[in-house]
N, C-alpha and C. Protein backbone atom coordinates (compact mmCIF):
# COMPACT_ATOMS: atom_id res chain seq x y z
N MET A 1 28.12 -1.87 -8.67
CA MET A 1 27.40 -0.91 -7.85
C MET A 1 27.52 -1.36 -6.40
N ASP A 2 27.93 -0.46 -5.52
CA ASP A 2 28.08 -0.85 -4.12
C ASP A 2 26.74 -0.79 -3.40
N VAL A 3 26.72 -1.30 -2.17
CA VAL A 3 25.49 -1.40 -1.40
C VAL A 3 24.88 -0.02 -1.13
N THR A 4 25.73 0.95 -0.83
CA THR A 4 25.23 2.29 -0.53
C THR A 4 24.46 2.86 -1.71
N VAL A 5 24.99 2.71 -2.88
CA VAL A 5 24.33 3.24 -4.06
C VAL A 5 23.00 2.53 -4.29
N SER A 6 22.97 1.22 -4.17
CA SER A 6 21.72 0.51 -4.41
C SER A 6 20.68 0.83 -3.33
N ILE A 7 21.11 1.02 -2.08
CA ILE A 7 20.17 1.43 -1.04
C ILE A 7 19.62 2.81 -1.36
N TRP A 8 20.49 3.72 -1.80
CA TRP A 8 20.03 5.06 -2.16
C TRP A 8 19.04 4.97 -3.32
N SER A 9 19.30 4.11 -4.28
CA SER A 9 18.39 3.96 -5.42
C SER A 9 17.02 3.49 -4.94
N LEU A 10 17.00 2.54 -4.02
CA LEU A 10 15.73 2.07 -3.49
C LEU A 10 14.98 3.19 -2.78
N ARG A 11 15.69 3.96 -2.03
CA ARG A 11 15.05 5.08 -1.33
C ARG A 11 14.51 6.09 -2.33
N MET A 12 15.26 6.37 -3.36
CA MET A 12 14.80 7.32 -4.36
C MET A 12 13.54 6.80 -5.05
N ASN A 13 13.50 5.53 -5.37
CA ASN A 13 12.30 4.98 -6.00
C ASN A 13 11.10 5.12 -5.07
N PHE A 14 11.33 4.90 -3.79
CA PHE A 14 10.25 5.02 -2.84
C PHE A 14 9.72 6.45 -2.78
N THR A 15 10.61 7.41 -2.75
CA THR A 15 10.17 8.79 -2.62
C THR A 15 9.50 9.31 -3.88
N LEU A 16 9.64 8.60 -4.99
CA LEU A 16 9.00 9.03 -6.22
C LEU A 16 7.57 8.51 -6.34
N LEU A 17 7.13 7.70 -5.39
CA LEU A 17 5.75 7.22 -5.40
C LEU A 17 4.80 8.37 -5.13
N ASP A 18 3.64 8.30 -5.76
CA ASP A 18 2.62 9.29 -5.42
C ASP A 18 1.36 8.55 -4.95
N ASP A 19 0.36 9.31 -4.58
CA ASP A 19 -0.85 8.70 -4.03
C ASP A 19 -1.54 7.77 -5.02
N THR A 20 -1.47 8.07 -6.29
CA THR A 20 -2.09 7.20 -7.31
C THR A 20 -1.38 5.86 -7.37
N ASP A 21 -0.05 5.88 -7.33
CA ASP A 21 0.72 4.62 -7.35
C ASP A 21 0.32 3.73 -6.18
N VAL A 22 0.24 4.32 -5.01
CA VAL A 22 -0.06 3.55 -3.80
C VAL A 22 -1.50 3.04 -3.82
N SER A 23 -2.45 3.89 -4.19
CA SER A 23 -3.84 3.44 -4.20
C SER A 23 -4.06 2.34 -5.24
N GLN A 24 -3.39 2.44 -6.39
CA GLN A 24 -3.52 1.38 -7.40
C GLN A 24 -2.85 0.09 -6.94
N ALA A 25 -1.77 0.20 -6.19
CA ALA A 25 -1.11 -0.99 -5.65
C ALA A 25 -2.02 -1.68 -4.63
N TYR A 26 -2.69 -0.90 -3.77
CA TYR A 26 -3.62 -1.48 -2.81
C TYR A 26 -4.79 -2.14 -3.54
N ALA A 27 -5.30 -1.49 -4.59
CA ALA A 27 -6.40 -2.05 -5.36
C ALA A 27 -5.99 -3.38 -6.00
N ALA A 28 -4.81 -3.42 -6.59
CA ALA A 28 -4.32 -4.65 -7.23
C ALA A 28 -4.13 -5.76 -6.20
N TYR A 29 -3.60 -5.40 -5.03
CA TYR A 29 -3.38 -6.39 -3.97
C TYR A 29 -4.70 -6.99 -3.50
N LEU A 30 -5.69 -6.13 -3.23
CA LEU A 30 -6.97 -6.64 -2.74
C LEU A 30 -7.72 -7.39 -3.83
N ARG A 31 -7.59 -6.96 -5.09
CA ARG A 31 -8.21 -7.71 -6.20
C ARG A 31 -7.61 -9.12 -6.27
N GLU A 32 -6.29 -9.20 -6.13
CA GLU A 32 -5.62 -10.51 -6.15
C GLU A 32 -6.12 -11.39 -5.00
N LEU A 33 -6.26 -10.83 -3.81
CA LEU A 33 -6.78 -11.60 -2.67
C LEU A 33 -8.21 -12.06 -2.93
N ARG A 34 -9.02 -11.17 -3.51
CA ARG A 34 -10.41 -11.53 -3.83
C ARG A 34 -10.45 -12.69 -4.82
N GLN A 35 -9.62 -12.62 -5.84
CA GLN A 35 -9.61 -13.67 -6.86
C GLN A 35 -9.08 -14.99 -6.29
N ARG A 36 -8.06 -14.91 -5.44
CA ARG A 36 -7.54 -16.13 -4.80
C ARG A 36 -8.59 -16.80 -3.92
N ALA A 37 -9.41 -15.97 -3.28
CA ALA A 37 -10.49 -16.49 -2.43
C ALA A 37 -11.69 -16.95 -3.26
N LYS A 38 -11.58 -16.77 -4.58
CA LYS A 38 -12.65 -17.16 -5.51
C LYS A 38 -13.97 -16.46 -5.17
N LEU A 39 -13.85 -15.16 -4.85
CA LEU A 39 -15.03 -14.36 -4.54
C LEU A 39 -15.34 -13.45 -5.73
N SER A 40 -16.60 -13.38 -6.09
CA SER A 40 -17.01 -12.39 -7.07
C SER A 40 -17.08 -11.04 -6.36
N ARG A 41 -17.21 -9.98 -7.14
CA ARG A 41 -17.38 -8.67 -6.50
C ARG A 41 -18.67 -8.64 -5.68
N ALA A 42 -19.71 -9.29 -6.18
CA ALA A 42 -20.99 -9.33 -5.45
C ALA A 42 -20.84 -10.07 -4.12
N ALA A 43 -20.11 -11.18 -4.13
CA ALA A 43 -19.91 -11.93 -2.89
C ALA A 43 -19.07 -11.13 -1.90
N LEU A 44 -18.05 -10.45 -2.39
CA LEU A 44 -17.23 -9.61 -1.51
C LEU A 44 -18.06 -8.46 -0.97
N ALA A 45 -18.92 -7.90 -1.81
CA ALA A 45 -19.79 -6.80 -1.38
C ALA A 45 -20.68 -7.25 -0.23
N GLU A 46 -21.23 -8.44 -0.34
CA GLU A 46 -22.10 -8.97 0.71
C GLU A 46 -21.33 -9.16 2.02
N ARG A 47 -20.12 -9.66 1.93
CA ARG A 47 -19.32 -9.92 3.13
C ARG A 47 -18.77 -8.64 3.76
N SER A 48 -18.44 -7.66 2.94
CA SER A 48 -17.74 -6.47 3.44
C SER A 48 -18.65 -5.27 3.69
N CYS A 49 -19.88 -5.32 3.18
CA CYS A 49 -20.81 -4.18 3.25
C CYS A 49 -20.34 -3.00 2.39
N VAL A 50 -19.49 -3.27 1.41
CA VAL A 50 -19.06 -2.26 0.44
C VAL A 50 -19.77 -2.62 -0.87
N PRO A 51 -20.50 -1.67 -1.47
CA PRO A 51 -21.24 -1.99 -2.70
C PRO A 51 -20.33 -2.54 -3.81
N ALA A 52 -20.87 -3.48 -4.58
CA ALA A 52 -20.11 -4.09 -5.68
C ALA A 52 -19.62 -3.04 -6.67
N ALA A 53 -20.43 -2.02 -6.93
CA ALA A 53 -20.02 -0.96 -7.86
C ALA A 53 -18.81 -0.21 -7.32
N THR A 54 -18.75 -0.02 -6.02
CA THR A 54 -17.60 0.65 -5.40
C THR A 54 -16.36 -0.22 -5.50
N ILE A 55 -16.53 -1.52 -5.31
CA ILE A 55 -15.41 -2.45 -5.43
C ILE A 55 -14.86 -2.42 -6.86
N LYS A 56 -15.76 -2.44 -7.84
CA LYS A 56 -15.34 -2.38 -9.24
C LYS A 56 -14.57 -1.09 -9.52
N LYS A 57 -15.12 0.04 -9.06
CA LYS A 57 -14.44 1.32 -9.27
C LYS A 57 -13.07 1.32 -8.62
N PHE A 58 -12.98 0.78 -7.40
CA PHE A 58 -11.70 0.71 -6.70
C PHE A 58 -10.70 -0.14 -7.46
N GLU A 59 -11.13 -1.30 -7.93
CA GLU A 59 -10.21 -2.18 -8.65
C GLU A 59 -9.74 -1.56 -9.97
N LEU A 60 -10.57 -0.75 -10.59
CA LEU A 60 -10.21 -0.15 -11.88
C LEU A 60 -9.45 1.17 -11.74
N THR A 61 -9.76 1.95 -10.70
CA THR A 61 -9.17 3.29 -10.59
C THR A 61 -8.32 3.50 -9.35
N GLY A 62 -8.51 2.68 -8.33
CA GLY A 62 -7.81 2.88 -7.07
C GLY A 62 -8.51 3.87 -6.16
N GLN A 63 -9.67 4.38 -6.57
CA GLN A 63 -10.39 5.38 -5.78
C GLN A 63 -11.40 4.71 -4.86
N ILE A 64 -11.30 5.05 -3.57
CA ILE A 64 -12.21 4.50 -2.56
C ILE A 64 -12.07 5.33 -1.29
N SER A 65 -13.10 5.33 -0.46
CA SER A 65 -12.98 6.03 0.82
C SER A 65 -12.11 5.19 1.75
N PHE A 66 -11.50 5.84 2.71
CA PHE A 66 -10.64 5.13 3.65
C PHE A 66 -11.45 4.09 4.44
N ARG A 67 -12.64 4.46 4.86
CA ARG A 67 -13.50 3.53 5.61
C ARG A 67 -13.79 2.28 4.79
N GLN A 68 -14.13 2.47 3.52
CA GLN A 68 -14.43 1.32 2.67
C GLN A 68 -13.18 0.48 2.40
N LEU A 69 -12.03 1.12 2.29
CA LEU A 69 -10.78 0.38 2.15
C LEU A 69 -10.58 -0.52 3.37
N LEU A 70 -10.81 0.03 4.55
CA LEU A 70 -10.66 -0.77 5.77
C LEU A 70 -11.65 -1.93 5.81
N LEU A 71 -12.88 -1.70 5.38
CA LEU A 71 -13.87 -2.79 5.35
C LEU A 71 -13.44 -3.90 4.40
N LEU A 72 -12.93 -3.54 3.22
CA LEU A 72 -12.45 -4.55 2.28
C LEU A 72 -11.23 -5.27 2.85
N TRP A 73 -10.32 -4.48 3.43
CA TRP A 73 -9.08 -5.07 3.96
C TRP A 73 -9.39 -6.09 5.05
N GLN A 74 -10.29 -5.73 5.97
CA GLN A 74 -10.58 -6.66 7.07
C GLN A 74 -11.30 -7.90 6.58
N THR A 75 -11.97 -7.82 5.45
CA THR A 75 -12.63 -8.99 4.87
C THR A 75 -11.63 -9.92 4.19
N LEU A 76 -10.61 -9.34 3.56
CA LEU A 76 -9.66 -10.13 2.76
C LEU A 76 -8.32 -10.38 3.43
N ASP A 77 -7.96 -9.58 4.41
CA ASP A 77 -6.65 -9.66 5.05
C ASP A 77 -6.83 -9.30 6.52
N SER A 78 -5.75 -9.06 7.20
CA SER A 78 -5.80 -8.72 8.62
C SER A 78 -5.57 -7.22 8.81
N LEU A 79 -6.46 -6.59 9.57
CA LEU A 79 -6.28 -5.17 9.86
C LEU A 79 -5.01 -4.92 10.67
N ASP A 80 -4.53 -5.95 11.37
CA ASP A 80 -3.28 -5.81 12.13
C ASP A 80 -2.14 -5.38 11.22
N ARG A 81 -2.12 -5.89 9.98
CA ARG A 81 -1.04 -5.54 9.06
C ARG A 81 -1.07 -4.05 8.72
N LEU A 82 -2.25 -3.50 8.53
CA LEU A 82 -2.35 -2.06 8.26
C LEU A 82 -2.02 -1.26 9.52
N TYR A 83 -2.50 -1.74 10.65
CA TYR A 83 -2.25 -1.04 11.91
C TYR A 83 -0.76 -0.94 12.20
N GLN A 84 0.00 -1.97 11.88
CA GLN A 84 1.44 -1.97 12.13
C GLN A 84 2.15 -0.83 11.40
N LEU A 85 1.59 -0.37 10.30
CA LEU A 85 2.20 0.75 9.57
C LEU A 85 2.19 2.04 10.40
N THR A 86 1.30 2.12 11.38
CA THR A 86 1.22 3.32 12.20
C THR A 86 2.16 3.28 13.40
N GLN A 87 2.78 2.13 13.63
CA GLN A 87 3.66 1.97 14.79
C GLN A 87 5.11 2.28 14.41
N PRO A 88 5.85 2.89 15.34
CA PRO A 88 7.26 3.19 15.06
C PRO A 88 8.03 1.90 14.77
N SER A 89 8.93 1.99 13.84
CA SER A 89 9.74 0.83 13.50
C SER A 89 11.21 1.17 13.68
N LYS A 90 11.88 0.37 14.50
CA LYS A 90 13.31 0.59 14.72
C LYS A 90 14.11 0.25 13.48
N GLU A 91 13.54 -0.60 12.64
CA GLU A 91 14.28 -1.07 11.48
C GLU A 91 14.11 -0.19 10.25
N ARG A 92 13.23 0.79 10.30
CA ARG A 92 13.06 1.66 9.15
C ARG A 92 14.32 2.51 8.98
N ALA A 93 14.81 2.55 7.79
CA ALA A 93 16.01 3.33 7.51
C ALA A 93 15.66 4.82 7.51
N ALA A 94 16.58 5.60 8.01
CA ALA A 94 16.39 7.05 8.01
C ALA A 94 16.49 7.57 6.58
N ILE A 95 15.62 8.48 6.25
CA ILE A 95 15.66 9.10 4.93
C ILE A 95 16.44 10.39 5.06
N PRO A 96 17.39 10.62 4.16
CA PRO A 96 18.19 11.84 4.26
C PRO A 96 17.31 13.07 4.16
N THR A 97 17.67 14.09 4.94
CA THR A 97 16.90 15.33 4.92
C THR A 97 17.60 16.45 4.19
N SER A 98 18.83 16.23 3.80
CA SER A 98 19.55 17.26 3.04
C SER A 98 20.51 16.59 2.06
N ILE A 99 20.94 17.36 1.09
CA ILE A 99 21.91 16.85 0.12
C ILE A 99 23.25 16.58 0.80
N ASP A 100 23.55 17.35 1.84
CA ASP A 100 24.80 17.13 2.58
C ASP A 100 24.83 15.74 3.22
N GLU A 101 23.70 15.30 3.79
CA GLU A 101 23.63 13.96 4.37
C GLU A 101 23.84 12.89 3.31
N VAL A 102 23.30 13.13 2.14
CA VAL A 102 23.47 12.16 1.05
C VAL A 102 24.93 12.09 0.64
N LEU A 103 25.54 13.24 0.46
CA LEU A 103 26.94 13.28 0.02
C LEU A 103 27.88 12.72 1.07
N LYS A 104 27.57 12.95 2.34
CA LYS A 104 28.42 12.45 3.43
C LYS A 104 28.03 11.03 3.83
N ASP A 105 26.93 10.54 3.28
CA ASP A 105 26.44 9.21 3.60
C ASP A 105 26.15 9.08 5.09
N GLU A 106 25.48 10.09 5.67
CA GLU A 106 25.17 10.10 7.10
C GLU A 106 23.77 9.60 7.42
N PHE A 107 23.11 9.03 6.50
CA PHE A 107 21.73 8.62 6.77
C PHE A 107 21.65 7.19 7.08
């Protein structure tokens, strides 16, 4: 398999993500950080001002308000990392906008 095909495969996998996949990935990531920090849900709730029941629901379902996600994130990680996602990136690969671009490999 050549590089172009494998890059296209990676892009296709990315575009197949949905909101549930992403929210569950964020939940798993923050749960892992909480466990590494040896924090119980109650201890994290106290530090983050997010109720322990909400943390449990988030870890199990991925459902949480954006504000509460930010509160958990700033307690366990750096908000700078999330903020960087909003900034333009020169290194982000262009995603093809038509089948012609894919076939011509113009992306």
